Each structure stands twice: as structure tokens, then as C-alpha cells.
Amino acid sequence: MSALILNFIIGPLVAYGIGCIFLDEEPFIFLSFLMLVVTPCTNWYLLSQN
């Protein structure tokens, strides 16, 4: 139950807060950041393409 709360409530809220602080004037990057954070199993794929 705690994993569900962390993944679907705490995580998106923290991501939204960070996005509001740092990406407030860039709406498309803000949206992309939110999608990156709340979508599971994408970080390994996006980061391994360097």
C-alpha cells in the first residue's frame, strides 16, 4: 500500500512542485518533465540513449 501511495500520490505531487519552481516559464518542458516522472519504466530507456 505504501508503494502505491508513493508512486501515485507523493511522486506526482513532488514532481509538480519541482516543476512549478524550476520550469514555470516553460510549459512544454514542464509537461514533459511531469510525463517523465509519472510514467513508470521510462527513465532507463531515455537515459540509456546517450
PDB file of N, CA and C in Angstrom:
ATOM      1  N   MET A   1       0.819  -1.198   0.000  1.00  0.00           N
ATOM      2  CA  MET A   1       0.000   0.000   0.000  1.00  0.00           C
ATOM      3  C   MET A   1       0.863   1.262   0.000  1.00  0.00           C
ATOM      4  N   SER A   2       1.978   1.229   0.729  1.00  0.00           N
ATOM      5  CA  SER A   2       2.833   2.411   0.772  1.00  0.00           C
ATOM      6  C   SER A   2       3.484   2.675  -0.591  1.00  0.00           C
ATOM      7  N   ALA A   3       3.783   1.626  -1.351  1.00  0.00           N
ATOM      8  CA  ALA A   3       4.351   1.815  -2.690  1.00  0.00           C
ATOM      9  C   ALA A   3       3.349   2.509  -3.613  1.00  0.00           C
ATOM     10  N   LEU A   4       2.088   2.157  -3.504  1.00  0.00           N
ATOM     11  CA  LEU A   4       1.062   2.814  -4.326  1.00  0.00           C
ATOM     12  C   LEU A   4       0.946   4.293  -3.969  1.00  0.00           C
ATOM     13  N   ILE A   5       0.981   4.587  -2.691  1.00  0.00           N
ATOM     14  CA  ILE A   5       0.885   5.983  -2.257  1.00  0.00           C
ATOM     15  C   ILE A   5       2.095   6.770  -2.742  1.00  0.00           C
ATOM     16  N   LEU A   6       3.285   6.185  -2.618  1.00  0.00           N
ATOM     17  CA  LEU A   6       4.484   6.884  -3.083  1.00  0.00           C
ATOM     18  C   LEU A   6       4.469   7.090  -4.596  1.00  0.00           C
ATOM     19  N   ASN A   7       4.090   6.071  -5.342  1.00  0.00           N
ATOM     20  CA  ASN A   7       4.134   6.146  -6.803  1.00  0.00           C
ATOM     21  C   ASN A   7       3.054   7.020  -7.417  1.00  0.00           C
ATOM     22  N   PHE A   8       1.868   7.022  -6.836  1.00  0.00           N
ATOM     23  CA  PHE A   8       0.747   7.684  -7.499  1.00  0.00           C
ATOM     24  C   PHE A   8       0.240   8.927  -6.787  1.00  0.00           C
ATOM     25  N   ILE A   9       0.744   9.230  -5.599  1.00  0.00           N
ATOM     26  CA  ILE A   9       0.324  10.450  -4.902  1.00  0.00           C
ATOM     27  C   ILE A   9       1.528  11.330  -4.575  1.00  0.00           C
ATOM     28  N   ILE A  10       2.469  10.799  -3.819  1.00  0.00           N
ATOM     29  CA  ILE A  10       3.621  11.589  -3.375  1.00  0.00           C
ATOM     30  C   ILE A  10       4.521  11.958  -4.559  1.00  0.00           C
ATOM     31  N   GLY A  11       4.842  10.998  -5.405  1.00  0.00           N
ATOM     32  CA  GLY A  11       5.725  11.250  -6.545  1.00  0.00           C
ATOM     33  C   GLY A  11       5.223  12.334  -7.476  1.00  0.00           C
ATOM     34  N   PRO A  12       3.985  12.224  -7.947  1.00  0.00           N
ATOM     35  CA  PRO A  12       3.469  13.290  -8.824  1.00  0.00           C
ATOM     36  C   PRO A  12       3.380  14.652  -8.140  1.00  0.00           C
ATOM     37  N   LEU A  13       3.053  14.680  -6.858  1.00  0.00           N
ATOM     38  CA  LEU A  13       2.993  15.964  -6.152  1.00  0.00           C
ATOM     39  C   LEU A  13       4.379  16.600  -6.028  1.00  0.00           C
ATOM     40  N   VAL A  14       5.373  15.797  -5.730  1.00  0.00           N
ATOM     41  CA  VAL A  14       6.743  16.311  -5.650  1.00  0.00           C
ATOM     42  C   VAL A  14       7.203  16.781  -7.032  1.00  0.00           C
ATOM     43  N   ALA A  15       6.901  16.013  -8.057  1.00  0.00           N
ATOM     44  CA  ALA A  15       7.281  16.405  -9.416  1.00  0.00           C
ATOM     45  C   ALA A  15       6.598  17.703  -9.821  1.00  0.00           C
ATOM     46  N   TYR A  16       5.344  17.850  -9.479  1.00  0.00           N
ATOM     47  CA  TYR A  16       4.620  19.087  -9.790  1.00  0.00           C
ATOM     48  C   TYR A  16       5.234  20.279  -9.065  1.00  0.00           C
ATOM     49  N   GLY A  17       5.592  20.076  -7.807  1.00  0.00           N
ATOM     50  CA  GLY A  17       6.218  21.151  -7.044  1.00  0.00           C
ATOM     51  C   GLY A  17       7.559  21.557  -7.625  1.00  0.00           C
ATOM     52  N   ILE A  18       8.387  20.575  -7.975  1.00  0.00           N
ATOM     53  CA  ILE A  18       9.682  20.878  -8.580  1.00  0.00           C
ATOM     54  C   ILE A  18       9.499  21.574  -9.928  1.00  0.00           C
ATOM     55  N   GLY A  19       8.524  21.095 -10.705  1.00  0.00           N
ATOM     56  CA  GLY A  19       8.251  21.722 -11.996  1.00  0.00           C
ATOM     57  C   GLY A  19       7.775  23.154 -11.856  1.00  0.00           C
ATOM     58  N   CYS A  20       6.953  23.421 -10.859  1.00  0.00           N
ATOM     59  CA  CYS A  20       6.480  24.791 -10.635  1.00  0.00           C
ATOM     60  C   CYS A  20       7.619  25.717 -10.246  1.00  0.00           C
ATOM     61  N   ILE A  21       8.575  25.203  -9.507  1.00  0.00           N
ATOM     62  CA  ILE A  21       9.696  26.032  -9.070  1.00  0.00           C
ATOM     63  C   ILE A  21      10.660  26.324 -10.227  1.00  0.00           C
ATOM     64  N   PHE A  22      11.049  25.291 -10.951  1.00  0.00           N
ATOM     65  CA  PHE A  22      12.122  25.445 -11.939  1.00  0.00           C
ATOM     66  C   PHE A  22      11.641  25.619 -13.377  1.00  0.00           C
ATOM     67  N   LEU A  23      10.459  25.160 -13.706  1.00  0.00           N
ATOM     68  CA  LEU A  23      10.013  25.166 -15.108  1.00  0.00           C
ATOM     69  C   LEU A  23       8.731  25.953 -15.309  1.00  0.00           C
ATOM     70  N   ASP A  24       8.515  26.957 -14.494  1.00  0.00           N
ATOM     71  CA  ASP A  24       7.257  27.699 -14.539  1.00  0.00           C
ATOM     72  C   ASP A  24       7.070  28.442 -15.857  1.00  0.00           C
ATOM     73  N   GLU A  25       8.138  28.928 -16.456  1.00  0.00           N
ATOM     74  CA  GLU A  25       8.025  29.717 -17.688  1.00  0.00           C
ATOM     75  C   GLU A  25       8.178  28.885 -18.950  1.00  0.00           C
ATOM     76  N   GLU A  26       8.351  27.579 -18.808  1.00  0.00           N
ATOM     77  CA  GLU A  26       8.492  26.677 -19.960  1.00  0.00           C
ATOM     78  C   GLU A  26       7.407  25.597 -19.883  1.00  0.00           C
ATOM     79  N   PRO A  27       6.212  25.863 -20.386  1.00  0.00           N
ATOM     80  CA  PRO A  27       5.104  24.917 -20.193  1.00  0.00           C
ATOM     81  C   PRO A  27       5.313  23.560 -20.876  1.00  0.00           C
ATOM     82  N   PHE A  28       5.960  23.532 -22.029  1.00  0.00           N
ATOM     83  CA  PHE A  28       6.147  22.256 -22.715  1.00  0.00           C
ATOM     84  C   PHE A  28       7.191  21.384 -22.013  1.00  0.00           C
ATOM     85  N   ILE A  29       8.247  22.019 -21.527  1.00  0.00           N
ATOM     86  CA  ILE A  29       9.248  21.267 -20.771  1.00  0.00           C
ATOM     87  C   ILE A  29       8.655  20.805 -19.448  1.00  0.00           C
ATOM     88  N   PHE A  30       7.818  21.642 -18.841  1.00  0.00           N
ATOM     89  CA  PHE A  30       7.134  21.277 -17.601  1.00  0.00           C
ATOM     90  C   PHE A  30       6.256  20.041 -17.808  1.00  0.00           C
ATOM     91  N   LEU A  31       5.495  20.036 -18.882  1.00  0.00           N
ATOM     92  CA  LEU A  31       4.644  18.888 -19.187  1.00  0.00           C
ATOM     93  C   LEU A  31       5.478  17.645 -19.470  1.00  0.00           C
ATOM     94  N   SER A  32       6.556  17.807 -20.208  1.00  0.00           N
ATOM     95  CA  SER A  32       7.444  16.677 -20.493  1.00  0.00           C
ATOM     96  C   SER A  32       8.064  16.127 -19.218  1.00  0.00           C
ATOM     97  N   PHE A  33       8.453  17.001 -18.311  1.00  0.00           N
ATOM     98  CA  PHE A  33       9.014  16.576 -17.033  1.00  0.00           C
ATOM     99  C   PHE A  33       7.983  15.783 -16.233  1.00  0.00           C
ATOM    100  N   LEU A  34       6.754  16.259 -16.178  1.00  0.00           N
ATOM    101  CA  LEU A  34       5.708  15.527 -15.455  1.00  0.00           C
ATOM    102  C   LEU A  34       5.460  14.147 -16.067  1.00  0.00           C
ATOM    103  N   MET A  35       5.425  14.082 -17.384  1.00  0.00           N
ATOM    104  CA  MET A  35       5.214  12.793 -18.041  1.00  0.00           C
ATOM    105  C   MET A  35       6.369  11.840 -17.777  1.00  0.00           C
ATOM    106  N   LEU A  36       7.591  12.361 -17.742  1.00  0.00           N
ATOM    107  CA  LEU A  36       8.757  11.539 -17.459  1.00  0.00           C
ATOM    108  C   LEU A  36       8.699  10.979 -16.047  1.00  0.00           C
ATOM    109  N   VAL A  37       8.311  11.790 -15.089  1.00  0.00           N
ATOM    110  CA  VAL A  37       8.327  11.372 -13.693  1.00  0.00           C
ATOM    111  C   VAL A  37       7.186  10.401 -13.378  1.00  0.00           C
ATOM    112  N   VAL A  38       5.997  10.644 -13.898  1.00  0.00           N
ATOM    113  CA  VAL A  38       4.851   9.815 -13.511  1.00  0.00           C
ATOM    114  C   VAL A  38       4.689   8.552 -14.360  1.00  0.00           C
ATOM    115  N   THR A  39       5.412   8.441 -15.462  1.00  0.00           N
ATOM    116  CA  THR A  39       5.326   7.251 -16.293  1.00  0.00           C
ATOM    117  C   THR A  39       6.369   6.240 -15.837  1.00  0.00           C
ATOM    118  N   PRO A  40       5.964   5.090 -15.370  1.00  0.00           N
ATOM    119  CA  PRO A  40       6.947   4.121 -14.869  1.00  0.00           C
ATOM    120  C   PRO A  40       7.752   3.484 -16.007  1.00  0.00           C
ATOM    121  N   CYS A  41       8.965   3.117 -15.704  1.00  0.00           N
ATOM    122  CA  CYS A  41       9.849   2.348 -16.592  1.00  0.00           C
ATOM    123  C   CYS A  41      10.259   3.095 -17.851  1.00  0.00           C
ATOM    124  N   THR A  42      10.294   4.416 -17.831  1.00  0.00           N
ATOM    125  CA  THR A  42      10.790   5.141 -18.991  1.00  0.00           C
ATOM    126  C   THR A  42      12.161   5.740 -18.746  1.00  0.00           C
ATOM    127  N   ASN A  43      12.526   5.954 -17.518  1.00  0.00           N
ATOM    128  CA  ASN A  43      13.792   6.629 -17.229  1.00  0.00           C
ATOM    129  C   ASN A  43      14.984   5.817 -17.735  1.00  0.00           C
ATOM    130  N   TRP A  44      14.973   4.522 -17.596  1.00  0.00           N
ATOM    131  CA  TRP A  44      16.098   3.719 -18.049  1.00  0.00           C
ATOM    132  C   TRP A  44      16.251   3.823 -19.560  1.00  0.00           C
ATOM    133  N   TYR A  45      15.148   3.891 -20.274  1.00  0.00           N
ATOM    134  CA  TYR A  45      15.202   3.979 -21.732  1.00  0.00           C
ATOM    135  C   TYR A  45      15.700   5.337 -22.194  1.00  0.00           C
ATOM    136  N   LEU A  46      15.183   6.406 -21.598  1.00  0.00           N
ATOM    137  CA  LEU A  46      15.578   7.742 -22.017  1.00  0.00           C
ATOM    138  C   LEU A  46      17.015   8.048 -21.654  1.00  0.00           C
ATOM    139  N   LEU A  47      17.468   7.558 -20.531  1.00  0.00           N
ATOM    140  CA  LEU A  47      18.828   7.863 -20.098  1.00  0.00           C
ATOM    141  C   LEU A  47      19.873   6.981 -20.774  1.00  0.00           C
ATOM    142  N   SER A  48      19.480   5.860 -21.317  1.00  0.00           N
ATOM    143  CA  SER A  48      20.467   4.971 -21.916  1.00  0.00           C
ATOM    144  C   SER A  48      20.712   5.281 -23.402  1.00  0.00           C
ATOM    145  N   GLN A  49      20.093   6.274 -23.946  1.00  0.00           N
ATOM    146  CA  GLN A  49      20.246   6.602 -25.359  1.00  0.00           C
ATOM    147  C   GLN A  49      21.366   7.591 -25.624  1.00  0.00           C
ATOM    148  N   ASN A  50      22.217   7.878 -24.654  1.00  0.00           N
ATOM    149  CA  ASN A  50      23.309   8.850 -24.842  1.00  0.00           C
ATOM    150  C   ASN A  50      24.370   8.328 -25.737  1.00  0.00           C
TER     151      ASN A  50
END
